[in-house]
Protein backbone atom coordinates (compact mmCIF):
# COMPACT_ATOMS: atom_id res chain seq x y z
CA MET A 1 181.45 272.31 315.95
CA SER A 2 180.78 275.37 313.81
CA THR A 3 182.89 273.92 311.05
CA ASP A 4 180.73 270.85 310.95
CA VAL A 5 177.52 272.88 310.74
CA SER A 6 178.84 274.99 307.90
CA ALA A 7 179.84 271.89 305.99
CA LEU A 8 176.41 270.48 306.54
CA PHE A 9 174.67 273.61 305.16
CA ARG A 10 176.95 273.67 302.11
CA SER A 11 176.17 270.05 301.42
CA LEU A 12 172.40 270.69 301.64
CA TYR A 13 172.70 273.77 299.44
CA ALA A 14 174.66 271.89 296.80
CA THR A 15 172.05 269.10 296.81
CA GLN A 16 169.16 271.53 296.32
CA VAL A 17 170.96 273.35 293.53
CA LYS A 18 171.54 270.08 291.77
CA GLU A 19 167.87 269.13 292.05
CA LEU A 20 166.80 272.48 290.72
CA LYS A 21 169.09 272.15 287.72
CA GLU A 22 167.63 268.73 286.99
CA LEU A 23 164.08 270.09 287.17
CA ALA A 24 165.02 272.94 284.85
CA GLN A 25 166.46 270.53 282.33
CA LYS A 26 163.23 268.39 282.44
CA ALA A 27 161.12 271.47 281.95
CA LYS A 28 163.07 272.34 278.84
CA ASP A 29 162.46 268.86 277.45
CA LEU A 30 158.55 269.15 277.95
CA PRO A 31 156.38 270.69 275.09
CA THR A 32 155.00 274.12 275.63
CA THR A 33 151.25 274.98 276.09
CA LYS A 34 151.05 276.44 272.65
CA ALA A 35 152.46 273.30 271.17
CA LEU A 36 149.88 271.20 273.06
CA THR A 37 147.02 273.39 271.88
CA GLU A 38 148.17 273.22 268.29
CA LYS A 39 148.44 269.45 268.51
CA GLN A 40 144.92 269.07 269.99
CA GLY A 41 143.46 271.35 267.29
CA GLN A 42 145.09 269.29 264.58
CA THR A 43 143.57 266.11 266.09
CA CYS A 44 140.03 267.64 266.18
CA GLN A 45 140.35 268.76 262.59
CA GLU A 46 141.30 265.26 261.55
CA GLN A 47 138.28 263.75 263.42
CA GLU A 48 135.88 266.34 261.96
CA ALA A 49 137.17 265.55 258.49
CA LYS A 50 136.48 261.87 259.08
CA VAL A 51 132.90 262.59 260.32
CA ASN A 52 132.18 264.80 257.30
CA GLU A 53 133.48 262.10 255.03
CA ILE A 54 131.13 259.55 256.67
CA ILE A 55 128.10 261.91 256.42
CA SER A 56 128.80 262.62 252.79
CA ALA A 57 128.96 258.87 252.13
CA ILE A 58 125.43 258.16 253.60
CA PRO A 59 123.31 259.34 250.58
CA LYS A 60 125.54 257.37 248.31
CA ALA A 61 125.03 254.25 250.48
CA LYS A 62 121.25 254.76 250.41
CA GLU A 63 121.27 255.08 246.66
CA GLU A 64 123.35 251.93 246.32
CA ARG A 65 120.95 250.08 248.67
CA ALA A 66 117.87 251.17 246.67
CA GLN A 67 119.59 250.06 243.45
CA ALA A 68 120.33 246.70 245.04
CA PHE A 69 116.65 246.26 246.09
CA ALA A 70 115.45 247.23 242.62
CA SER A 71 117.83 244.73 241.06
CA ALA A 72 116.62 242.00 243.46
CA ASN A 73 112.93 242.71 242.65
CA ALA A 74 113.62 242.64 238.95
CA ALA A 75 115.43 239.34 239.35
CA LEU A 76 112.52 237.95 241.39
CA GLN A 77 109.95 239.02 238.77
CA THR A 78 112.09 237.51 236.04
CA ALA A 79 112.32 234.23 237.99
CA SER A 80 108.53 234.20 238.54
CA THR A 81 107.88 234.84 234.86
CA GLU A 82 110.27 232.08 233.94
CA ARG A 83 108.53 229.72 236.41
CA THR A 84 105.10 230.52 234.96
CA THR A 85 106.44 229.94 231.48
CA ALA A 86 107.91 226.62 232.61
CA GLN A 87 104.57 225.55 234.11
CA GLU A 88 102.77 226.47 230.91
CA ASP A 89 105.31 224.49 228.95
CA LEU A 90 104.73 221.57 231.34
CA GLU A 91 100.97 221.74 230.79
CA VAL A 92 101.45 221.84 227.04
CA ALA A 93 103.73 218.84 227.33
CA LYS A 94 101.11 216.98 229.38
CA ARG A 95 98.42 217.76 226.81
CA ASN A 96 100.70 216.65 224.04
CA LYS A 97 101.38 213.48 225.99
CA ALA A 98 97.67 212.87 226.48
CA ALA A 99 97.04 213.51 222.80
CA ALA A 100 99.81 211.12 221.93
CA GLU A 101 98.41 208.47 224.24
CA ALA A 102 94.95 209.03 222.74
CA ALA A 103 96.39 208.69 219.27
CA LEU A 104 98.20 205.52 220.33
CA ALA A 105 94.97 204.13 221.78
CA ALA A 106 93.17 205.01 218.56
CA ALA A 107 95.87 203.25 216.58
CA LYS A 108 95.53 200.17 218.74
CA ALA A 109 91.76 200.29 218.36
CA ALA A 110 92.12 200.55 214.60
CA ALA A 111 94.47 197.59 214.66
CA GLN A 112 91.85 195.52 216.49
CA LYS A 113 89.01 196.67 214.26
CA SER A 114 88.33 193.17 213.03
CA SER A 115 87.50 191.80 216.51
CA GLN A 116 85.72 194.80 218.15
CA PRO A 117 82.89 197.14 217.18
CA PRO A 118 83.66 200.64 215.96
CA LYS A 119 84.90 203.21 218.45
CA GLY A 120 81.70 205.30 218.28
CA GLN A 121 79.56 202.30 219.14
CA VAL A 122 81.74 201.42 222.15
CA SER A 123 81.57 204.99 223.53
CA SER A 124 77.80 205.21 223.00
CA ALA A 125 77.16 201.84 224.67
CA GLY A 126 79.26 202.84 227.70
CA GLN A 127 77.36 206.07 228.19
CA ARG A 128 74.01 204.30 227.84
CA TYR A 129 75.03 201.65 230.37
CA SER A 130 76.25 204.26 232.87
CA LYS A 131 73.02 206.23 232.55
CA PHE A 132 70.99 203.00 232.90
CA ILE A 133 72.75 202.05 236.13
CA GLN A 134 72.32 205.52 237.65
CA THR A 135 68.62 205.77 236.74
CA ARG A 136 67.84 202.29 238.01
CA ALA A 137 69.64 202.93 241.31
CA MET A 138 67.90 206.27 241.80
CA ILE A 139 64.38 204.91 241.15
CA THR A 140 65.01 201.80 243.27
CA SER A 141 66.23 203.92 246.18
CA ASP A 142 63.16 206.18 245.96
CA VAL A 143 60.74 203.23 245.89
CA GLN A 144 62.49 201.47 248.77
CA TRP A 145 62.38 204.67 250.84
CA ARG A 146 58.62 204.92 250.31
CA VAL A 147 58.21 201.25 251.28
CA LEU A 148 60.21 201.86 254.45
CA LEU A 149 58.09 204.92 255.28
CA LEU A 150 54.81 203.01 254.96
CA ASN A 151 56.18 200.01 256.87
CA LYS A 152 57.09 202.26 259.79
CA ILE A 153 53.57 203.69 259.80
CA ARG A 154 52.12 200.17 259.64
CA ASP A 155 54.09 199.16 262.75
CA LEU A 156 52.84 202.15 264.80
CA ASP A 157 49.98 201.76 267.28
CA GLU A 158 47.17 204.30 267.40
CA PRO A 159 48.58 206.53 270.19
CA SER A 160 51.95 206.71 268.43
CA LEU A 161 50.32 207.36 265.07
CA ARG A 162 48.61 210.45 266.50
CA THR A 163 51.92 212.08 267.43
CA VAL A 164 54.23 211.09 264.53
CA ASP A 165 54.91 213.40 261.59
CA LEU A 166 52.94 212.14 258.56
CA THR A 167 53.75 214.92 256.10
CA ASP A 168 55.63 212.62 253.70
CA ALA A 169 52.96 209.92 253.94
CA PHE A 170 50.16 212.39 253.19
CA ALA A 171 52.18 213.79 250.26
CA LEU A 172 52.61 210.26 248.88
CA ALA A 173 48.87 209.62 249.20
CA ASP A 174 48.02 212.88 247.41
CA SER A 175 50.39 212.24 244.50
CA TRP A 176 50.00 208.46 244.35
CA GLU A 177 48.33 208.25 240.94
CA THR A 178 51.00 210.39 239.30
CA THR A 179 53.78 208.59 241.17
CA ARG A 180 52.44 205.15 240.21
CA THR A 181 52.08 206.05 236.52
CA ASN A 182 55.56 207.61 236.30
CA THR A 183 57.19 204.72 238.11
CA GLU A 184 55.55 202.12 235.88
CA GLU A 185 56.67 203.99 232.75
CA CYS A 186 60.22 204.29 234.11
CA ILE A 187 60.36 200.56 234.91
CA ALA A 188 59.14 199.66 231.42
CA SER A 189 61.67 202.02 229.81
CA LEU A 190 64.50 200.64 231.96
CA ALA A 191 63.51 197.08 231.06
CA ARG A 192 63.73 197.87 227.30
CA GLU A 193 67.03 199.67 227.74
CA GLY A 194 68.40 196.76 229.77
CA ASN A 195 67.49 194.27 227.05
CA ASP A 196 69.25 196.40 224.42
CA LEU A 197 72.38 196.69 226.55
CA ALA A 198 72.34 192.97 227.24
CA ARG A 199 72.46 192.29 223.49
CA LEU A 200 75.56 194.51 223.32
CA GLY A 201 77.26 192.37 225.98
CA ALA A 202 76.50 194.37 229.13
CA ARG A 203 75.86 192.57 232.40
CA SER A 204 73.45 193.16 235.34
CA THR A 205 70.82 194.87 233.21
CA ASP A 206 67.68 193.31 234.74
CA VAL A 207 65.15 195.38 236.77
CA THR A 208 63.84 192.54 238.93
CA VAL A 209 64.79 194.22 242.25
CA LEU A 210 63.06 197.43 241.22
CA GLU A 211 59.92 195.57 240.11
CA GLN A 212 59.74 193.66 243.42
CA ALA A 213 60.21 196.87 245.45
CA PHE A 214 57.47 198.62 243.49
CA LYS A 215 55.15 195.63 243.93
CA GLU A 216 55.77 195.74 247.70
CA LEU A 217 55.09 199.49 247.70
CA LYS A 218 51.70 199.02 246.03
CA ALA A 219 50.78 196.26 248.48
CA VAL A 220 51.66 198.17 251.65
CA LYS A 221 50.09 201.32 250.23
CA ALA A 222 46.80 199.47 249.71
CA THR A 223 46.79 198.26 253.33
CA GLN A 224 47.50 201.72 254.79
CA ASP A 225 45.18 203.86 252.64
CA SER A 226 42.17 203.72 254.94
CA ARG A 227 44.29 204.21 258.05
CA LEU A 228 46.04 207.26 256.65
CA GLN A 229 42.76 208.73 255.46
CA LYS A 230 41.20 208.18 258.88
CA GLU A 231 44.16 209.80 260.62
CA ARG A 232 44.06 212.75 258.22
CA THR A 233 40.35 213.26 258.93
CA ARG A 234 41.02 213.07 262.66
CA ARG A 235 43.84 215.63 262.43
CA ASP A 236 41.67 217.99 260.41
CA GLU A 237 38.96 217.73 263.07
CA VAL A 238 41.54 218.29 265.77
CA GLU A 239 42.76 221.43 264.02
CA THR A 240 39.17 222.70 263.84
CA ASN A 241 38.56 221.84 267.49
CA ILE A 242 41.82 223.48 268.51
CA GLY A 243 40.66 226.67 266.80
CA ALA A 244 37.37 226.57 268.74
CA PHE A 245 39.25 225.77 271.95
CA VAL A 246 41.67 228.67 271.50
CA LYS A 247 38.72 230.98 270.86
CA GLU A 248 36.98 229.95 274.11
CA GLN A 249 40.27 230.09 275.99
CA GLY A 250 40.81 233.63 274.72
CA LYS A 251 37.42 234.69 276.08
CA LEU A 252 38.16 233.33 279.58
CA LEU A 253 41.66 234.77 279.53
CA GLN A 254 40.41 238.20 278.50
CA TRP A 255 37.70 238.11 281.17
CA CYS A 256 40.24 237.29 283.91
CA ARG A 257 42.61 240.03 282.81
CA THR A 258 39.79 242.57 282.49
CA GLN A 259 38.51 241.77 285.99
CA GLN A 260 41.97 242.09 287.51
CA ALA A 261 42.58 245.39 285.71
CA GLN A 262 39.24 246.67 287.00
CA LEU A 263 40.10 245.62 290.55
CA GLU A 264 43.45 247.43 290.33
CA THR A 265 41.62 250.71 289.68
CA LEU A 266 39.42 250.42 292.82
CA VAL A 267 40.54 252.45 295.81
CA GLN A 268 37.73 252.55 298.35
CA SER A 269 37.24 249.49 300.53
CA GLU A 270 33.48 249.44 299.87
CA HIS A 271 34.09 249.06 296.16
CA VAL A 272 36.65 246.31 296.75
CA GLN A 273 34.19 244.42 298.94
CA GLU A 274 31.47 244.80 296.34
CA PHE A 275 33.82 243.48 293.66
CA CYS A 276 34.74 240.48 295.82
CA GLY A 277 31.06 239.72 296.35
CA SER A 278 30.43 239.85 292.59
CA LEU A 279 33.43 237.61 291.90
CA GLN A 280 32.25 235.13 294.50
CA SER A 281 28.81 234.97 292.91
CA ASN A 282 30.42 234.32 289.50
CA ASN A 283 32.90 231.79 290.86
CA ALA A 284 30.65 228.77 290.26
CA THR A 285 30.01 229.85 286.68
CA MET A 286 33.70 230.39 286.03
CA GLU A 287 34.60 227.02 287.51
CA ALA A 288 32.03 225.41 285.21
CA ASN A 289 33.49 227.28 282.23
CA PHE A 290 36.96 226.06 283.12
CA LEU A 291 35.73 222.49 283.39
CA VAL A 292 34.05 222.78 279.99
CA LEU A 293 37.32 224.12 278.58
CA SER A 294 39.16 221.19 280.16
CA ASP A 295 36.69 218.75 278.61
CA MET A 296 37.34 220.34 275.21
CA ALA A 297 41.07 219.98 275.75
CA GLU A 298 40.90 216.33 276.83
CA SER A 299 40.35 215.03 273.30
CA LEU A 300 42.98 217.42 271.88
CA LEU A 301 45.86 216.35 274.11
CA PRO A 302 48.72 215.73 273.67
CA SER A 303 49.14 219.11 271.99
CA GLU A 304 51.69 221.73 272.93
CA VAL A 305 49.39 224.55 271.81
CA VAL A 306 46.48 223.28 273.91
CA LEU A 307 48.64 222.62 276.97
CA LYS A 308 50.19 226.11 276.87
CA ALA A 309 46.74 227.66 276.45
CA LEU A 310 45.43 225.75 279.48
CA GLN A 311 48.42 226.78 281.57
CA GLU A 312 48.04 230.41 280.53
CA VAL A 313 44.34 230.66 281.42
CA SER A 314 44.87 228.72 284.66
CA LYS A 315 47.62 231.10 285.71
CA ALA A 316 45.40 234.10 284.89
CA TRP A 317 42.54 232.61 286.95
CA PHE A 318 44.87 231.92 289.89
CA SER A 319 46.28 235.43 289.62
CA LEU A 320 42.82 236.99 289.72
CA GLN A 321 41.74 235.01 292.78
CA VAL A 322 44.97 235.58 294.69
CA TYR A 323 45.02 239.29 293.89
CA THR A 324 41.37 239.59 294.99
CA TYR A 325 42.18 237.89 298.28
CA GLU A 326 45.18 240.16 298.86
CA ARG A 327 43.14 243.32 298.19
CA LEU A 328 40.34 242.14 300.47
CA ARG A 329 42.86 241.25 303.17
CA GLN A 330 44.47 244.69 302.84
CA CYS A 331 41.07 246.41 303.21
CA LEU A 332 40.26 244.23 306.21
CA MET A 333 43.52 245.12 307.92
CA GLU A 334 42.99 248.83 307.25
CA GLN A 335 39.46 248.77 308.66
CA HIS A 336 40.60 246.70 311.62
CA GLN A 337 43.34 249.17 312.49
CA LYS A 338 40.97 252.12 312.18
CA SER A 339 38.35 250.51 314.44
CA LYS A 340 40.76 250.18 317.44
CA LEU A 341 38.91 246.98 318.30
CA GLU A 342 41.98 245.25 319.66
CA ASP A 343 42.70 248.09 322.06
CA GLU A 344 39.15 248.00 323.39
CA LEU A 345 39.20 244.22 323.83
CA ARG A 346 42.49 244.38 325.69
CA ALA A 347 41.10 247.15 327.88
CA TRP A 348 38.01 245.04 328.77
CA SER A 349 39.84 241.69 328.87
CA THR A 350 39.36 241.35 332.68
CA PHE A 351 35.66 242.28 332.62
CA ALA A 352 34.33 238.91 331.50
CA LEU A 353 35.61 236.84 334.41
CA PRO A 354 33.79 238.83 337.16
CA VAL A 355 30.64 238.68 335.04
CA LYS A 356 30.96 234.91 334.88
CA ASP A 357 31.33 234.71 338.66
CA TYR A 358 28.36 237.02 339.08
CA LEU A 359 26.21 234.87 336.79
CA ALA A 360 27.26 231.77 338.70
CA ASP A 361 26.15 233.41 341.97
CA VAL A 362 22.85 234.45 340.36
CA GLU A 363 22.24 230.91 339.11
CA ARG A 364 22.96 229.51 342.57
CA LEU A 365 20.63 232.07 344.18
CA LEU A 366 17.80 231.41 341.73
CA GLY A 367 18.09 227.70 342.38
CA GLN A 368 17.36 227.97 346.09
CA PRO A 369 13.52 228.45 346.11
CA THR A 370 11.46 225.25 346.54
CA ASP A 371 7.82 226.34 346.25
CA ASP A 372 6.16 226.00 342.87
CA ASP A 373 5.04 229.59 342.51
CA THR A 374 8.49 231.00 343.08
CA ILE A 375 10.10 228.43 340.84
CA ALA A 376 7.63 229.20 338.05
CA TYR A 377 8.29 232.94 338.49
CA ILE A 378 12.08 232.75 338.41
CA GLN A 379 12.33 230.01 335.74
CA PRO A 380 12.72 232.42 332.76
CA TYR A 381 15.47 234.31 334.58
CA LEU A 382 17.23 231.10 335.49
CA GLU A 383 17.20 229.92 331.87
CA ALA A 384 18.51 233.28 330.66
CA CYS A 385 21.28 233.09 333.25
CA LYS A 386 22.27 229.60 332.13
CA ALA A 387 22.26 230.73 328.49
CA LEU A 388 24.63 233.60 329.31
CA ILE A 389 26.91 231.22 331.21
CA ASN A 390 26.98 228.86 328.20
CA GLU A 391 27.89 231.74 325.89
CA TYR A 392 30.82 232.79 328.06
CA THR A 393 33.36 230.37 326.53
CA PRO A 394 32.63 231.23 322.85
CA HIS A 395 32.62 234.93 323.73
CA GLN A 396 35.97 234.68 325.48
CA LEU A 397 37.44 232.68 322.60
CA ILE A 398 36.33 235.28 320.05
CA ALA A 399 37.64 238.11 322.21
CA ASP A 400 41.04 236.45 322.60
CA HIS A 401 41.30 235.81 318.86
CA VAL A 402 40.32 239.33 317.87
CA SER A 403 42.59 240.95 320.48
CA ASP A 404 45.69 239.42 318.90
CA PHE A 405 44.41 239.39 315.31
CA SER A 406 47.13 241.72 313.97
CA LEU A 407 49.87 239.70 315.64
CA ARG A 408 48.56 236.43 314.20
CA MET A 409 48.26 237.93 310.73
CA GLN A 410 51.83 239.18 310.96
CA CYS A 411 53.02 235.73 312.03
CA LEU A 412 51.26 234.22 309.03
CA GLN A 413 53.06 236.45 306.52
CA ASP A 414 55.85 233.94 305.83
CA ASN A 415 53.36 231.07 305.59
CA TYR A 416 51.26 233.01 303.12
CA ALA A 417 54.34 233.85 301.06
CA MET A 418 55.17 230.15 300.78
CA LEU A 419 51.54 229.32 299.96
CA ARG A 420 51.49 231.98 297.25
CA LYS A 421 54.72 230.65 295.78
CA SER A 422 53.34 227.11 295.68
CA VAL A 423 50.08 228.29 294.09
CA PHE A 424 51.97 229.87 291.19
CA SER A 425 54.41 226.97 290.85
CA ALA A 426 54.55 225.05 287.60
CA MET A 427 53.15 221.94 289.28
CA SER A 428 50.05 223.72 290.63
CA ILE A 429 49.30 225.39 287.30
CA GLN A 430 49.84 222.09 285.49
CA CYS A 431 47.48 220.23 287.84
CA GLN A 432 44.84 222.94 287.51
CA ALA A 433 45.22 222.92 283.73
CA LEU A 434 44.69 219.14 283.58
CA ALA A 435 41.86 218.96 286.16
CA VAL A 436 39.46 217.13 283.86
CA GLY A 437 36.37 215.23 285.02
CA THR A 438 36.37 216.13 288.70
CA THR A 439 33.84 214.67 291.10
CA SER A 440 31.94 217.92 291.58
CA TRP A 441 31.53 218.34 287.83
CA LYS A 442 30.22 214.80 287.48
CA ARG A 443 27.70 215.39 290.27
CA LYS A 444 26.51 218.62 288.62
CA GLU A 445 26.22 216.90 285.26
CA GLU A 446 24.25 214.01 286.79
CA TYR A 447 21.98 216.48 288.61
CA SER A 448 21.31 218.36 285.35
CA GLU A 449 20.47 215.12 283.53
CA LYS A 450 18.07 213.97 286.26
CA LEU A 451 16.42 217.38 286.35
CA SER A 452 15.97 217.31 282.58
CA GLU A 453 14.40 213.85 282.77
CA MET A 454 12.02 214.98 285.48
CA MET A 455 10.99 218.04 283.46
CA ASP A 456 10.28 215.86 280.44
CA TRP A 457 8.23 213.49 282.61
CA VAL A 458 6.25 216.38 284.11
CA ASP A 459 5.66 217.79 280.63
CA VAL A 460 4.24 214.46 279.44
CA LYS A 461 2.07 213.93 282.51
CA GLY A 462 0.85 217.53 282.40
CA HIS A 463 -1.30 216.78 279.36
CA VAL A 464 -3.65 214.52 281.36
CA ASP A 465 -5.94 215.14 284.32
CA THR A 466 -3.31 214.23 286.90
CA TRP A 467 -1.45 217.50 286.43
CA LYS A 468 -2.90 218.95 289.66
CA ASP A 469 -1.45 216.13 291.77
CA LEU A 470 1.84 216.47 289.93
CA LEU A 471 1.94 220.17 290.72
CA VAL A 472 1.65 219.41 294.43
CA ARG A 473 4.40 216.82 294.17
CA VAL A 474 6.65 219.26 292.32
CA ASP A 475 6.13 221.84 295.06
CA ARG A 476 7.06 219.26 297.67
CA LEU A 477 10.14 218.27 295.70
CA LYS A 478 11.13 221.94 295.43
CA LYS A 479 10.91 222.34 299.20
CA VAL A 480 13.03 219.21 299.70
CA ILE A 481 15.71 220.56 297.37
CA GLU A 482 15.72 223.96 299.08
CA GLU A 483 16.01 222.34 302.52
CA ASN A 484 18.84 220.17 301.26
CA GLU A 485 20.71 223.19 299.84
CA SER A 486 20.15 225.11 303.09
CA SER A 487 21.54 222.26 305.19
CA GLN A 488 24.56 221.96 302.92
CA GLY A 489 25.21 225.71 303.27
CA ILE A 490 25.08 225.44 307.05
CA ASP A 491 27.46 222.46 307.03
CA GLU A 492 29.94 224.35 304.84
CA ALA A 493 29.75 227.39 307.12
CA LEU A 494 30.44 225.23 310.16
CA ARG A 495 33.39 223.56 308.43
CA ASN A 496 34.85 226.96 307.51
């Protein structure tokens, strides 16, 4: 047993020794650390030498590249110069060719000298013919255009004639004598030139078309002279009337703007009320002025200047009236709130009904007596009681309306905003601007005419003995007019 173990250990020891010897032999064959370091250093030196070589070669490469670019540019310039030279040579060749062709044509012309006129005569005749054709065409076109212009005016009716542009027609009328003389001279000159060219063999040298066009121009011009002169006179009058209209419109416009600016400076309610009263008293006069302005504009329309002026003054008049109403309404609301009237009416809202019942009892009590003396005594009191009972309903209606006045005004705010918007709309201003010849203005005009006739009649009759009777009749007529005006004022108040 021990022998076997010893053999086993010797075997293991021999194996390990063998392996160690093999490892030692391999280690001898490997390079040492110093050798490796030397080898790596040699490799780095070689790489650094290569890098330095590349860096030193860069400037040289740049220089070679710049030289290559310079050579290319020089070659390009040389090619461009050569191309320009070639083009010049080509142009010279073309000119030489043209000169040769001209010389050949001249030779051919010289060869045919016996059958054709000289070269100078042919060139001169061609230029004259070309100029003749151009001049004739130009003058014919101008004459035909004038004929067309006057024919268009002849076909227009009077309303259309008032709006069309007649600048060219008026210019023709102003320069007609000069135009006619020059055209006649040109036609005569063209006719002579055409005859000369016809003798040289040219064709289409007559001026018949031009002569017919000019004859038509003179005929239509003669028929439209009076019409154009009449329209020019009318337009001159319109321009004058437009100037007068614009002047009157400026006065009304300035007055409206001045009044509104003055109202804007007022603060106290008393002053605002006084201003409103003054404006109301001047309202009839202003309406009459606007109607007079509209009558002036009626004969000037259609005119953009007149229409814009009417719209501008109408808008200013609307603005003044609306602003006056708003200021008066504001003062009214302020005074109403300060007065506390609504609070007092609401506090006494239940007082009227017992009073009504009391008056009914009094009326019933006063109606009981049957003897004449008592009835005659209580009759005034009974009538007063009935009058108070009859006034109960209007009183209650007014009280109810005043008690909720602020609420109703607040509810009407949106309605008023819409009304204000519609008042200043383009349609409203346009209708107001074109309100010409209204019924009220006709009635006022008729009244003024009748009054003037009556005054003339009274003036004539006043020179005889019947003037005393006429004076009485005039006084009676004055009373009738005053009563009529008074009744109309009452009717308007009731309608309002």
